[in-house]
C-alpha atoms as a PDB file:
ATOM      1  CA  MET A   1      94.265  86.352  84.485  1.00  0.00           C
ATOM      2  CA  ALA A   2      92.842  86.476  80.982  1.00  0.00           C
ATOM      3  CA  THR A   3      94.964  85.199  78.157  1.00  0.00           C
ATOM      4  CA  GLY A   4      96.122  87.139  75.162  1.00  0.00           C
ATOM      5  CA  ILE A   5      96.184  85.904  71.612  1.00  0.00           C
ATOM      6  CA  ILE A   6      99.777  84.731  72.074  1.00  0.00           C
ATOM      7  CA  PRO A   7      99.927  80.952  72.542  1.00  0.00           C
ATOM      8  CA  PRO A   8     101.222  80.062  76.036  1.00  0.00           C
ATOM      9  CA  ASN A   9     104.336  78.239  74.738  1.00  0.00           C
ATOM     10  CA  ALA A  10     105.314  80.854  72.158  1.00  0.00           C
ATOM     11  CA  GLN A  11     108.802  82.339  72.142  1.00  0.00           C
ATOM     12  CA  LEU A  12     108.248  86.025  72.751  1.00  0.00           C
ATOM     13  CA  SER A  13     110.402  88.785  71.336  1.00  0.00           C
ATOM     14  CA  GLU A  14     111.798  91.357  73.761  1.00  0.00           C
ATOM     15  CA  ALA A  15     109.135  93.802  72.555  1.00  0.00           C
ATOM     16  CA  ALA A  16     106.350  91.266  73.202  1.00  0.00           C
ATOM     17  CA  LYS A  17     107.801  90.503  76.644  1.00  0.00           C
ATOM     18  CA  TYR A  18     107.726  94.224  77.424  1.00  0.00           C
ATOM     19  CA  ARG A  19     104.046  94.473  76.403  1.00  0.00           C
ATOM     20  CA  ASP A  20     103.228  91.375  78.450  1.00  0.00           C
ATOM     21  CA  GLU A  21     104.905  92.971  81.473  1.00  0.00           C
ATOM     22  CA  LEU A  22     102.970  96.207  80.906  1.00  0.00           C
ATOM     23  CA  TYR A  23      99.749  94.181  80.880  1.00  0.00           C
ATOM     24  CA  LYS A  24     100.603  92.278  84.048  1.00  0.00           C
ATOM     25  CA  ASN A  25     101.567  95.487  85.860  1.00  0.00           C
ATOM     26  CA  SER A  26      98.343  97.191  84.738  1.00  0.00           C
ATOM     27  CA  TYR A  27      95.966  94.260  85.173  1.00  0.00           C
ATOM     28  CA  SER A  28      94.024  95.520  88.218  1.00  0.00           C
ATOM     29  CA  ARG A  29      93.677  99.003  86.800  1.00  0.00           C
ATOM     30  CA  LEU A  30      92.458  97.651  83.452  1.00  0.00           C
ATOM     31  CA  GLN A  31      89.926  95.409  85.202  1.00  0.00           C
ATOM     32  CA  HIS A  32      88.618  98.415  87.121  1.00  0.00           C
ATOM     33  CA  LEU A  33      88.457 100.647  84.043  1.00  0.00           C
ATOM     34  CA  THR A  34      86.348  98.066  82.203  1.00  0.00           C
ATOM     35  CA  TRP A  35      84.157  97.551  85.296  1.00  0.00           C
ATOM     36  CA  ARG A  36      83.524 101.323  85.347  1.00  0.00           C
ATOM     37  CA  ALA A  37      82.711 101.283  81.625  1.00  0.00           C
ATOM     38  CA  VAL A  38      79.904  98.793  82.318  1.00  0.00           C
ATOM     39  CA  ASN A  39      78.676  99.813  85.771  1.00  0.00           C
ATOM     40  CA  VAL A  40      79.141 103.585  85.745  1.00  0.00           C
ATOM     41  CA  HIS A  41      78.897 104.499  82.072  1.00  0.00           C
ATOM     42  CA  GLY A  42      76.582 101.721  80.833  1.00  0.00           C
ATOM     43  CA  LYS A  43      78.882 100.691  77.984  1.00  0.00           C
ATOM     44  CA  SER A  44      79.166  97.248  76.432  1.00  0.00           C
ATOM     45  CA  ASN A  45      82.218  95.265  75.381  1.00  0.00           C
ATOM     46  CA  THR A  46      81.526  96.126  71.741  1.00  0.00           C
ATOM     47  CA  GLU A  47      81.482  99.876  72.399  1.00  0.00           C
ATOM     48  CA  ILE A  48      84.601 100.281  74.543  1.00  0.00           C
ATOM     49  CA  VAL A  49      88.116  98.826  74.650  1.00  0.00           C
ATOM     50  CA  ALA A  50      90.770  99.225  77.322  1.00  0.00           C
ATOM     51  CA  VAL A  51      94.190 100.557  76.410  1.00  0.00           C
ATOM     52  CA  CYS A  52      97.627 100.457  77.972  1.00  0.00           C
ATOM     53  CA  ILE A  53     100.002 102.517  75.837  1.00  0.00           C
ATOM     54  CA  GLN A  54     103.688 103.365  76.106  1.00  0.00           C
ATOM     55  CA  VAL A  55     103.444 107.148  75.746  1.00  0.00           C
ATOM     56  CA  ASP A  56     106.876 107.727  74.185  1.00  0.00           C
ATOM     57  CA  SER A  57     106.319 105.395  71.255  1.00  0.00           C
ATOM     58  CA  LYS A  58     104.949 105.264  67.733  1.00  0.00           C
ATOM     59  CA  TRP A  59     101.502 105.355  69.402  1.00  0.00           C
ATOM     60  CA  ARG A  60     101.997 108.918  70.731  1.00  0.00           C
ATOM     61  CA  ALA A  61      99.425 110.437  68.341  1.00  0.00           C
ATOM     62  CA  LEU A  62      96.790 108.040  69.703  1.00  0.00           C
ATOM     63  CA  VAL A  63      97.761 108.889  73.299  1.00  0.00           C
ATOM     64  CA  ASP A  64      97.464 112.610  72.535  1.00  0.00           C
ATOM     65  CA  HIS A  65      94.065 112.042  70.931  1.00  0.00           C
ATOM     66  CA  LEU A  66      92.742 109.989  73.859  1.00  0.00           C
ATOM     67  CA  MET A  67      94.300 112.110  76.621  1.00  0.00           C
ATOM     68  CA  PRO A  68      94.860 115.626  75.266  1.00  0.00           C
ATOM     69  CA  GLY A  69      96.838 117.976  77.456  1.00  0.00           C
ATOM     70  CA  GLN A  70      98.128 115.281  79.811  1.00  0.00           C
ATOM     71  CA  ASP A  71     101.415 116.322  81.463  1.00  0.00           C
ATOM     72  CA  TRP A  72     103.636 113.327  80.748  1.00  0.00           C
ATOM     73  CA  GLN A  73     106.801 115.292  81.501  1.00  0.00           C
ATOM     74  CA  ALA A  74     106.098 115.175  85.233  1.00  0.00           C
ATOM     75  CA  VAL A  75     106.075 111.370  84.998  1.00  0.00           C
ATOM     76  CA  ARG A  76     109.322 111.345  83.007  1.00  0.00           C
ATOM     77  CA  ASP A  77     110.929 113.717  85.505  1.00  0.00           C
ATOM     78  CA  SER A  78     110.234 111.197  88.277  1.00  0.00           C
ATOM     79  CA  GLY A  79     112.243 108.607  86.313  1.00  0.00           C
ATOM     80  CA  ILE A  80     109.250 106.562  85.170  1.00  0.00           C
ATOM     81  CA  ASP A  81     108.419 105.590  81.586  1.00  0.00           C
ATOM     82  CA  PRO A  82     104.939 107.127  81.113  1.00  0.00           C
ATOM     83  CA  ILE A  83     102.191 104.619  80.364  1.00  0.00           C
ATOM     84  CA  ALA A  84      98.677 105.731  79.427  1.00  0.00           C
ATOM     85  CA  HIS A  85      95.775 103.675  80.813  1.00  0.00           C
ATOM     86  CA  GLY A  86      92.172 104.196  79.883  1.00  0.00           C
ATOM     87  CA  THR A  87      89.168 103.178  77.895  1.00  0.00           C
ATOM     88  CA  ALA A  88      88.439 104.266  74.356  1.00  0.00           C
ATOM     89  CA  GLY A  89      85.789 103.837  71.707  1.00  0.00           C
ATOM     90  CA  TRP A  90      85.612 100.768  69.513  1.00  0.00           C
ATOM     91  CA  ASP A  91      87.187 102.788  66.650  1.00  0.00           C
ATOM     92  CA  VAL A  92      90.581 102.155  68.291  1.00  0.00           C
ATOM     93  CA  CYS A  93      90.274  98.604  66.889  1.00  0.00           C
ATOM     94  CA  THR A  94      90.425 100.018  63.364  1.00  0.00           C
ATOM     95  CA  ILE A  95      93.427 102.197  64.206  1.00  0.00           C
ATOM     96  CA  VAL A  96      95.353  99.227  65.626  1.00  0.00           C
ATOM     97  CA  ALA A  97      94.341  97.069  62.643  1.00  0.00           C
ATOM     98  CA  ALA A  98      95.695  99.696  60.226  1.00  0.00           C
ATOM     99  CA  MET A  99      98.984 100.131  62.103  1.00  0.00           C
ATOM    100  CA  CYS A 100      99.503  96.379  62.717  1.00  0.00           C
ATOM    101  CA  PRO A 101      98.065  94.565  59.683  1.00  0.00           C
ATOM    102  CA  SER A 102      99.348  91.167  60.856  1.00  0.00           C
ATOM    103  CA  ILE A 103      96.777  91.222  63.688  1.00  0.00           C
ATOM    104  CA  ALA A 104      94.051  93.189  61.872  1.00  0.00           C
ATOM    105  CA  ASN A 105      91.488  90.372  62.094  1.00  0.00           C
ATOM    106  CA  GLU A 106      92.051  89.883  65.817  1.00  0.00           C
ATOM    107  CA  ALA A 107      91.992  93.649  66.417  1.00  0.00           C
ATOM    108  CA  THR A 108      88.501  94.005  64.987  1.00  0.00           C
ATOM    109  CA  GLU A 109      86.914  90.797  66.342  1.00  0.00           C
ATOM    110  CA  LYS A 110      84.361  91.077  69.113  1.00  0.00           C
ATOM    111  CA  PRO A 111      85.640  89.927  72.508  1.00  0.00           C
ATOM    112  CA  SER A 112      84.313  86.856  74.281  1.00  0.00           C
ATOM    113  CA  GLU A 113      81.070  87.177  76.235  1.00  0.00           C
ATOM    114  CA  GLY A 114      81.690  88.962  79.538  1.00  0.00           C
ATOM    115  CA  TYR A 115      85.168  90.193  78.558  1.00  0.00           C
ATOM    116  CA  PHE A 116      86.603  93.401  77.159  1.00  0.00           C
ATOM    117  CA  LYS A 117      89.326  93.745  74.567  1.00  0.00           C
ATOM    118  CA  VAL A 118      92.594  95.269  75.841  1.00  0.00           C
ATOM    119  CA  PHE A 119      95.222  96.739  73.538  1.00  0.00           C
ATOM    120  CA  VAL A 120      98.739  96.963  74.921  1.00  0.00           C
ATOM    121  CA  LEU A 121     100.657  99.237  72.574  1.00  0.00           C
ATOM    122  CA  ALA A 122     104.367 100.053  72.524  1.00  0.00           C
ATOM    123  CA  ASP A 123     107.094 100.786  69.976  1.00  0.00           C
ATOM    124  CA  GLY A 124     107.519  97.085  69.237  1.00  0.00           C
ATOM    125  CA  GLY A 125     103.890  96.641  68.187  1.00  0.00           C
ATOM    126  CA  ALA A 126     100.616  95.599  69.767  1.00  0.00           C
ATOM    127  CA  THR A 127      99.333  92.735  71.877  1.00  0.00           C
ATOM    128  CA  ILE A 128      95.653  92.031  72.344  1.00  0.00           C
ATOM    129  CA  PHE A 129      94.223  90.590  75.537  1.00  0.00           C
ATOM    130  CA  GLU A 130      90.743  90.010  76.881  1.00  0.00           C
ATOM    131  CA  ILE A 131      89.952  90.960  80.453  1.00  0.00           C
ATOM    132  CA  GLU A 132      87.024  90.369  82.748  1.00  0.00           C
ATOM    133  CA  PRO A 133      85.760  93.581  84.374  1.00  0.00           C
ATOM    134  CA  LYS A 134      86.137  93.688  88.143  1.00  0.00           C
ATOM    135  CA  GLU A 135      85.749  96.438  90.678  1.00  0.00           C
ATOM    136  CA  GLN A 136      89.073  97.208  92.341  1.00  0.00           C
ATOM    137  CA  VAL A 137      90.104  99.457  95.171  1.00  0.00           C
ATOM    138  CA  LEU A 138      92.751 101.543  93.452  1.00  0.00           C
ATOM    139  CA  MET A 139      95.412 103.416  95.378  1.00  0.00           C
END
């Protein structure tokens, strides 16, 4: 699994632990989304980022922009906290940098060769990871 910008021995806040858990639970899907960005859509890792966003959070306007008209209520009604997964244009880096100035530099840096930037966004803030694209059989 790719590492985020959080040092491995860091003491994580509850909000950071939540974002880390979101990332771990979404890892295969995020790998597949970035694989599709490269292999189906011909995009590079400096054109597209992957996102994993807690829908009912301060990031709701971004979710609505990226996925307009999505019926999140059906997810809520099933007792699940809705989480948006997808890819987005590089301009998301600027949005995250503006909303989380303490990680602005990291938000706008290019990812490592062969990896895509992943933003995990929730009420408690943002965590940035890098992920290697991989085709997955999604169920």
